[in-house]
């Protein structure tokens, strides 16, 4: 197993991509701590991990609160004695579609506090623990294909994810002397609650899939397998990179000429995929 004996902490790890990563880490032998704001989804996620035979822990965590971030790092070390892998996954999306000229400082601060400030300091707290241990480690930041795609309907979100790209690079340079590798994942459309909300707009779903060469949305397991690679020894010479697991969404400028509008059956399937995941 690629992560046997490792201790991993995933913020926003109670559902969606975060839980998909936690599950794959557990399957590879890691002890796993998941953080999230909702105790119900936290306990459900914990039960799924324990059903795999993993040593696991749920800790309530709001990454917009720096004390909460420090607490989850401390609880991880208290429970399992160390921290080897930190996945900064928690994030929120600006779904209000507010035009740039109307965005308020409150809207801006809400997104940035979670998506960038919380990542900046959560990574810092994790890195301090790894430096203290003296055995290196891995940090994985969650970016998005939308770090490179200009979406005026999600102005602050895309700005925050662009910041993640540069943060990952400078962290990699700064932490390399300590044996800590830092990389980012940049997913495209993935089967999550957010994607199901997008899927409620059939025209928008068609637009997304027509610009995704693979013609489908990705799975949380596919995200988890990429995270395993970035966390394990196989990727030890990869630093400061943002890996796009997006089915080609980020580089296709125009609709695929071979794409056909999804059928009713396919649309119904998209709307029903893995409830809660």
Protein backbone atom coordinates (compact mmCIF):
# COMPACT_ATOMS: atom_id res chain seq x y z
CA UNK A 1 0.00 0.00 0.00
CA UNK A 2 1.36 3.37 -1.05
CA UNK A 3 0.49 5.30 2.14
CA UNK A 4 0.92 2.67 4.81
CA UNK A 5 1.95 4.23 8.12
CA UNK A 6 1.15 7.77 6.95
CA UNK A 7 -1.20 10.20 8.69
CA UNK A 8 -3.32 12.39 6.41
CA UNK A 9 -5.56 15.37 7.16
CA UNK A 10 -8.15 16.58 4.64
CA UNK A 11 -10.08 19.80 5.20
CA UNK A 12 -13.50 19.72 3.62
CA UNK A 13 -13.09 15.97 3.81
CA UNK A 14 -16.60 14.96 4.83
CA UNK A 15 -18.15 14.78 1.34
CA UNK A 16 -17.49 15.32 -2.35
CA UNK A 17 -13.92 15.43 -3.60
CA UNK A 18 -12.55 15.63 -0.06
CA UNK A 19 -14.22 12.40 1.01
CA UNK A 20 -13.21 10.77 -2.27
CA UNK A 21 -9.60 11.60 -1.40
CA UNK A 22 -10.01 10.39 2.18
CA UNK A 23 -11.42 7.05 0.98
CA UNK A 24 -8.52 6.46 -1.41
CA UNK A 25 -5.99 7.41 1.26
CA UNK A 26 -7.62 4.91 3.61
CA UNK A 27 -7.51 2.20 0.96
CA UNK A 28 -3.78 2.84 0.63
CA UNK A 29 -3.19 2.33 4.36
CA UNK A 30 -3.19 5.88 5.75
CA UNK A 31 -4.73 6.99 9.01
CA UNK A 32 -7.15 9.74 8.00
CA UNK A 33 -8.56 12.84 9.69
CA UNK A 34 -11.42 14.64 7.94
CA UNK A 35 -12.55 18.15 8.78
CA UNK A 36 -15.80 19.92 7.97
CA UNK A 37 -18.44 22.21 9.41
CA UNK A 38 -21.41 19.80 9.31
CA UNK A 39 -21.32 17.19 12.10
CA UNK A 40 -23.84 14.96 10.29
CA UNK A 41 -21.79 14.64 7.11
CA UNK A 42 -18.70 14.38 9.30
CA UNK A 43 -20.04 11.33 11.10
CA UNK A 44 -21.29 9.80 7.84
CA UNK A 45 -17.86 10.25 6.29
CA UNK A 46 -16.20 8.79 9.36
CA UNK A 47 -18.42 5.71 9.21
CA UNK A 48 -17.51 5.18 5.56
CA UNK A 49 -13.80 5.32 6.39
CA UNK A 50 -14.13 3.03 9.39
CA UNK A 51 -16.06 0.54 7.25
CA UNK A 52 -12.88 0.25 5.19
CA UNK A 53 -10.97 -0.68 8.33
CA UNK A 54 -9.16 2.65 8.50
CA UNK A 55 -8.02 4.45 11.60
CA UNK A 56 -10.01 7.64 11.19
CA UNK A 57 -11.19 10.74 13.00
CA UNK A 58 -13.65 13.55 12.29
CA UNK A 59 -12.87 16.99 13.70
CA UNK A 60 -15.25 19.94 13.24
CA UNK A 61 -13.41 22.62 11.30
CA UNK A 62 -14.17 25.95 9.68
CA UNK A 63 -11.18 26.94 7.57
CA UNK A 64 -12.28 30.57 7.70
CA UNK A 65 -11.43 30.47 11.42
CA UNK A 66 -7.67 30.26 12.02
CA UNK A 67 -8.09 28.87 15.55
CA UNK A 68 -10.21 26.08 14.10
CA UNK A 69 -7.45 25.29 11.59
CA UNK A 70 -4.79 25.11 14.27
CA UNK A 71 -7.09 22.94 16.36
CA UNK A 72 -7.56 20.30 13.66
CA UNK A 73 -3.80 20.05 13.16
CA UNK A 74 -3.33 19.68 16.93
CA UNK A 75 -6.10 17.06 17.17
CA UNK A 76 -4.52 15.07 14.35
CA UNK A 77 -1.15 14.94 16.11
CA UNK A 78 -2.82 14.20 19.43
CA UNK A 79 -4.71 11.24 17.94
CA UNK A 80 -2.07 9.75 15.65
CA UNK A 81 1.24 11.21 16.81
CA UNK A 82 2.23 13.03 13.61
CA UNK A 83 1.09 14.61 10.35
CA UNK A 84 2.51 13.49 7.00
CA UNK A 85 -0.03 14.65 4.41
CA UNK A 86 -2.20 17.77 4.43
CA UNK A 87 -4.89 18.30 1.78
CA UNK A 88 -6.31 21.83 1.71
CA UNK A 89 -9.57 21.00 0.02
CA UNK A 90 -12.26 23.06 1.77
CA UNK A 91 -13.70 25.78 -0.41
CA UNK A 92 -16.84 27.65 -1.31
CA UNK A 93 -18.12 28.89 -4.64
CA UNK A 94 -19.53 32.27 -5.55
CA UNK A 95 -22.80 31.03 -7.00
CA UNK A 96 -24.61 34.35 -6.72
CA UNK A 97 -23.54 35.39 -10.26
CA UNK A 98 -23.09 38.96 -9.08
CA UNK A 99 -21.69 41.28 -11.77
CA UNK A 100 -18.22 42.65 -11.03
CA UNK A 101 -19.53 46.21 -10.59
CA UNK A 102 -21.94 45.02 -7.88
CA UNK A 103 -19.70 42.71 -5.81
CA UNK A 104 -19.46 43.86 -2.19
CA UNK A 105 -16.47 43.67 0.14
CA UNK A 106 -18.48 41.21 2.24
CA UNK A 107 -18.93 38.83 -0.70
CA UNK A 108 -15.25 39.12 -1.58
CA UNK A 109 -14.07 38.51 1.98
CA UNK A 110 -16.33 35.48 2.47
CA UNK A 111 -14.88 33.63 -0.54
CA UNK A 112 -11.28 34.70 -0.02
CA UNK A 113 -11.30 33.89 3.71
CA UNK A 114 -12.11 30.26 2.95
CA UNK A 115 -10.52 29.61 -0.44
CA UNK A 116 -7.22 31.47 -0.10
CA UNK A 117 -6.62 32.81 3.40
CA UNK A 118 -7.73 29.53 4.99
CA UNK A 119 -5.47 27.62 2.61
CA UNK A 120 -2.51 29.94 3.21
CA UNK A 121 -2.59 29.54 6.98
CA UNK A 122 -3.84 25.96 7.12
CA UNK A 123 -0.89 24.94 4.97
CA UNK A 124 1.37 26.98 7.22
CA UNK A 125 0.17 25.24 10.39
CA UNK A 126 0.57 21.84 8.75
CA UNK A 127 4.03 22.72 7.43
CA UNK A 128 5.17 23.88 10.86
CA UNK A 129 4.23 20.49 12.27
CA UNK A 130 6.03 18.68 9.44
CA UNK A 131 9.16 20.78 9.96
CA UNK A 132 9.02 20.03 13.67
CA UNK A 133 8.89 16.32 12.93
CA UNK A 134 11.87 16.60 10.59
CA UNK A 135 10.73 13.86 8.19
CA UNK A 136 9.25 15.91 5.36
CA UNK A 137 5.72 15.61 4.10
CA UNK A 138 3.26 16.44 1.34
CA UNK A 139 0.81 19.32 0.96
CA UNK A 140 -1.89 19.23 -1.73
CA UNK A 141 -3.88 22.36 -2.51
CA UNK A 142 -7.24 22.26 -4.26
CA UNK A 143 -7.35 24.58 -7.22
CA UNK A 144 -9.73 24.37 -10.19
CA UNK A 145 -9.79 24.38 -13.94
CA UNK A 146 -11.45 27.75 -13.40
CA UNK A 147 -8.13 29.15 -12.24
CA UNK A 148 -7.44 29.53 -15.97
CA UNK A 149 -10.94 29.94 -17.36
CA UNK A 150 -12.48 33.40 -17.06
CA UNK A 151 -15.98 33.07 -15.60
CA UNK A 152 -17.54 36.44 -14.92
CA UNK A 153 -20.45 34.65 -13.23
CA UNK A 154 -18.05 33.43 -10.51
CA UNK A 155 -15.74 36.40 -10.27
CA UNK A 156 -14.37 36.02 -6.75
CA UNK A 157 -14.18 32.22 -6.88
CA UNK A 158 -12.06 32.17 -10.02
CA UNK A 159 -9.84 34.90 -8.60
CA UNK A 160 -9.27 32.85 -5.46
CA UNK A 161 -8.37 29.75 -7.48
CA UNK A 162 -5.91 31.77 -9.55
CA UNK A 163 -4.26 32.73 -6.28
CA UNK A 164 -3.99 29.06 -5.34
CA UNK A 165 -1.82 28.47 -8.42
CA UNK A 166 0.80 31.02 -7.38
CA UNK A 167 0.58 30.13 -3.69
CA UNK A 168 1.40 26.52 -4.56
CA UNK A 169 4.52 27.55 -6.47
CA UNK A 170 5.95 29.82 -3.79
CA UNK A 171 5.16 27.32 -1.05
CA UNK A 172 6.99 24.62 -3.01
CA UNK A 173 10.10 26.81 -3.26
CA UNK A 174 10.00 27.79 0.40
CA UNK A 175 9.33 24.33 1.82
CA UNK A 176 11.55 22.21 -0.45
CA UNK A 177 14.56 22.50 1.88
CA UNK A 178 12.49 20.76 4.58
CA UNK A 179 11.57 17.84 2.33
CA UNK A 180 7.97 19.02 2.02
CA UNK A 181 6.55 18.80 -1.49
CA UNK A 182 3.67 21.07 -2.42
CA UNK A 183 1.43 20.55 -5.44
CA UNK A 184 -2.12 21.37 -6.47
CA UNK A 185 -5.00 19.55 -8.10
CA UNK A 186 -7.19 21.47 -10.53
CA UNK A 187 -10.38 19.49 -11.18
CA UNK A 188 -12.86 20.17 -13.92
CA UNK A 189 -16.51 19.04 -13.66
CA UNK A 190 -16.71 16.35 -10.96
CA UNK A 191 -19.72 14.42 -9.60
CA UNK A 192 -20.36 16.51 -6.47
CA UNK A 193 -23.30 18.33 -4.90
CA UNK A 194 -22.17 21.47 -6.70
CA UNK A 195 -22.16 19.67 -10.04
CA UNK A 196 -25.66 18.39 -9.40
CA UNK A 197 -26.80 21.98 -8.84
CA UNK A 198 -25.18 22.92 -12.14
CA UNK A 199 -26.88 19.88 -13.66
CA UNK A 200 -30.27 21.36 -12.80
CA UNK A 201 -29.61 23.74 -15.71
CA UNK A 202 -29.67 21.37 -18.67
CA UNK A 203 -28.44 23.97 -21.15
CA UNK A 204 -25.46 24.79 -18.93
CA UNK A 205 -24.65 21.10 -18.50
CA UNK A 206 -24.70 20.67 -22.26
CA UNK A 207 -22.37 23.64 -22.66
CA UNK A 208 -19.88 22.22 -20.15
CA UNK A 209 -19.86 18.73 -21.64
CA UNK A 210 -19.59 20.04 -25.20
CA UNK A 211 -16.34 21.72 -24.16
CA UNK A 212 -14.99 18.67 -22.35
CA UNK A 213 -13.21 16.39 -24.84
CA UNK A 214 -13.95 13.27 -22.79
CA UNK A 215 -17.65 14.13 -22.91
CA UNK A 216 -18.40 13.29 -19.29
CA UNK A 217 -17.96 14.53 -15.74
CA UNK A 218 -15.22 13.07 -13.57
CA UNK A 219 -15.55 10.99 -10.41
CA UNK A 220 -14.45 11.66 -6.88
CA UNK A 221 -12.49 8.41 -7.02
CA UNK A 222 -10.47 9.76 -9.94
CA UNK A 223 -9.65 12.79 -7.80
CA UNK A 224 -8.70 10.50 -4.94
CA UNK A 225 -6.32 8.45 -7.08
CA UNK A 226 -4.53 11.60 -8.26
CA UNK A 227 -4.21 12.75 -4.64
CA UNK A 228 -2.68 9.38 -3.71
CA UNK A 229 -0.07 9.87 -6.42
CA UNK A 230 0.77 13.38 -5.23
CA UNK A 231 0.97 12.20 -1.61
CA UNK A 232 3.10 9.08 -2.11
CA UNK A 233 6.77 8.56 -2.94
CA UNK A 234 6.03 8.13 -6.66
CA UNK A 235 5.77 11.93 -7.06
CA UNK A 236 8.75 12.98 -4.94
CA UNK A 237 10.40 14.94 -7.79
CA UNK A 238 7.21 16.85 -8.64
CA UNK A 239 7.01 20.25 -6.95
CA UNK A 240 4.86 23.35 -7.35
CA UNK A 241 2.70 21.87 -10.10
CA UNK A 242 -1.03 22.17 -10.68
CA UNK A 243 -2.30 18.92 -12.17
CA UNK A 244 -5.45 19.38 -14.23
CA UNK A 245 -7.80 16.42 -13.85
CA UNK A 246 -10.48 17.93 -16.04
CA UNK A 247 -11.15 15.63 -18.99
CA UNK A 248 -9.54 18.25 -21.22
CA UNK A 249 -11.98 20.99 -20.17
CA UNK A 250 -9.24 23.58 -19.64
CA UNK A 251 -7.84 23.61 -23.15
CA UNK A 252 -10.85 23.10 -25.43
CA UNK A 253 -11.82 26.51 -26.75
CA UNK A 254 -14.82 25.55 -28.87
CA UNK A 255 -17.49 22.87 -28.63
CA UNK A 256 -16.45 19.42 -29.74
CA UNK A 257 -17.86 18.99 -33.25
CA UNK A 258 -18.63 15.35 -32.46
CA UNK A 259 -20.57 16.16 -29.26
CA UNK A 260 -24.26 15.34 -29.23
CA UNK A 261 -26.75 16.83 -26.79
CA UNK A 262 -27.25 14.51 -23.83
CA UNK A 263 -30.26 12.26 -23.91
CA UNK A 264 -33.02 12.28 -21.31
CA UNK A 265 -31.61 9.05 -19.86
CA UNK A 266 -28.09 10.48 -19.61
CA UNK A 267 -29.40 13.67 -18.05
CA UNK A 268 -31.39 11.76 -15.44
CA UNK A 269 -28.27 9.73 -14.63
CA UNK A 270 -26.21 12.87 -14.13
CA UNK A 271 -28.82 14.20 -11.73
CA UNK A 272 -28.85 11.02 -9.64
CA UNK A 273 -25.13 10.18 -9.34
CA UNK A 274 -24.01 9.32 -5.82
CA UNK A 275 -26.27 11.45 -3.66
CA UNK A 276 -24.20 13.34 -1.12
CA UNK A 277 -20.95 12.70 -2.99
